[in-house]
């Protein structure tokens, strides 16, 4: 199931569930593909949330064995117009 992020009572909601800070959600791309990303928002209703994606590369071989490596991994930050974007919760796997 997928839907829109909606702002209700100072929180974003997806499919009748509040979206907590740093939650993993999926953003629909073209051709029906989905991109798992991390939800970030500063709580200001005048701003849009952003979505981060961990980038791959040589760092993975160097750092993945270290504790907390993903927290310092290189990332891309995406911004989407919420009225045009479609999201879903990831499958629990």
Protein backbone atom coordinates (compact mmCIF):
# COMPACT_ATOMS: atom_id res chain seq x y z
CA UNK A 1 0.00 0.00 0.00
CA UNK A 2 1.29 3.51 -0.71
CA UNK A 3 0.17 7.06 -0.15
CA UNK A 4 1.04 10.66 0.50
CA UNK A 5 2.80 12.15 3.50
CA UNK A 6 0.26 14.33 5.27
CA UNK A 7 0.88 16.91 7.96
CA UNK A 8 -1.46 16.41 10.94
CA UNK A 9 -1.10 18.04 14.34
CA UNK A 10 2.55 18.91 13.75
CA UNK A 11 3.56 15.45 12.50
CA UNK A 12 3.78 13.80 9.12
CA UNK A 13 1.63 10.73 8.67
CA UNK A 14 1.77 7.92 6.14
CA UNK A 15 -1.00 5.35 5.82
CA UNK A 16 -2.56 6.39 9.15
CA UNK A 17 0.74 6.02 11.04
CA UNK A 18 2.92 8.88 12.29
CA UNK A 19 6.34 9.03 10.63
CA UNK A 20 9.01 9.30 13.33
CA UNK A 21 12.24 11.20 12.74
CA UNK A 22 14.82 9.05 10.91
CA UNK A 23 12.20 6.47 9.90
CA UNK A 24 12.95 4.32 6.88
CA UNK A 25 10.30 4.87 4.21
CA UNK A 26 10.26 4.27 0.47
CA UNK A 27 9.84 6.90 -2.22
CA UNK A 28 8.30 5.87 -5.54
CA UNK A 29 10.46 6.54 -8.60
CA UNK A 30 9.64 6.25 -12.28
CA UNK A 31 8.73 2.88 -13.78
CA UNK A 32 7.32 1.66 -10.46
CA UNK A 33 10.68 1.44 -8.69
CA UNK A 34 11.01 2.25 -5.00
CA UNK A 35 13.93 3.89 -3.18
CA UNK A 36 14.39 3.30 0.53
CA UNK A 37 15.37 6.50 2.28
CA UNK A 38 15.51 8.03 5.74
CA UNK A 39 12.93 10.67 6.67
CA UNK A 40 14.26 13.88 8.22
CA UNK A 41 12.35 16.97 9.23
CA UNK A 42 13.02 19.88 11.56
CA UNK A 43 9.40 20.09 12.75
CA UNK A 44 8.74 23.49 11.15
CA UNK A 45 5.43 23.35 9.25
CA UNK A 46 6.81 25.95 6.81
CA UNK A 47 9.57 23.61 5.64
CA UNK A 48 9.48 20.34 3.73
CA UNK A 49 11.07 17.18 5.04
CA UNK A 50 14.13 15.81 3.29
CA UNK A 51 15.08 12.21 2.60
CA UNK A 52 18.59 10.81 2.84
CA UNK A 53 20.07 7.89 0.92
CA UNK A 54 23.36 6.23 1.81
CA UNK A 55 25.74 6.25 -1.14
CA UNK A 56 27.84 3.26 -2.11
CA UNK A 57 31.51 3.22 -2.96
CA UNK A 58 34.99 2.42 -1.73
CA UNK A 59 34.18 3.60 1.78
CA UNK A 60 32.03 0.47 2.25
CA UNK A 61 35.06 -1.81 2.22
CA UNK A 62 36.94 0.45 4.61
CA UNK A 63 34.23 1.33 7.09
CA UNK A 64 31.47 -1.26 7.24
CA UNK A 65 33.36 -3.30 9.81
CA UNK A 66 33.43 -0.29 12.17
CA UNK A 67 30.68 0.25 14.71
CA UNK A 68 28.28 2.99 13.62
CA UNK A 69 29.69 3.10 10.09
CA UNK A 70 26.35 3.86 8.46
CA UNK A 71 25.93 6.98 10.62
CA UNK A 72 29.05 8.50 9.08
CA UNK A 73 28.51 7.13 5.56
CA UNK A 74 28.33 9.51 2.60
CA UNK A 75 24.77 10.35 1.71
CA UNK A 76 22.62 12.14 -0.82
CA UNK A 77 19.81 14.38 0.38
CA UNK A 78 16.57 14.48 -1.62
CA UNK A 79 13.72 16.94 -1.41
CA UNK A 80 10.34 16.12 -2.89
CA UNK A 81 7.19 18.14 -3.38
CA UNK A 82 4.89 16.20 -1.08
CA UNK A 83 1.78 16.66 -3.20
CA UNK A 84 3.56 14.95 -6.11
CA UNK A 85 5.44 12.25 -4.18
CA UNK A 86 4.20 8.80 -3.26
CA UNK A 87 5.58 6.89 -0.27
CA UNK A 88 5.13 3.57 1.47
CA UNK A 89 6.44 1.76 4.51
CA UNK A 90 9.15 -0.78 3.65
CA UNK A 91 8.40 -4.47 3.88
CA UNK A 92 9.57 -5.84 7.20
CA UNK A 93 12.42 -8.05 6.03
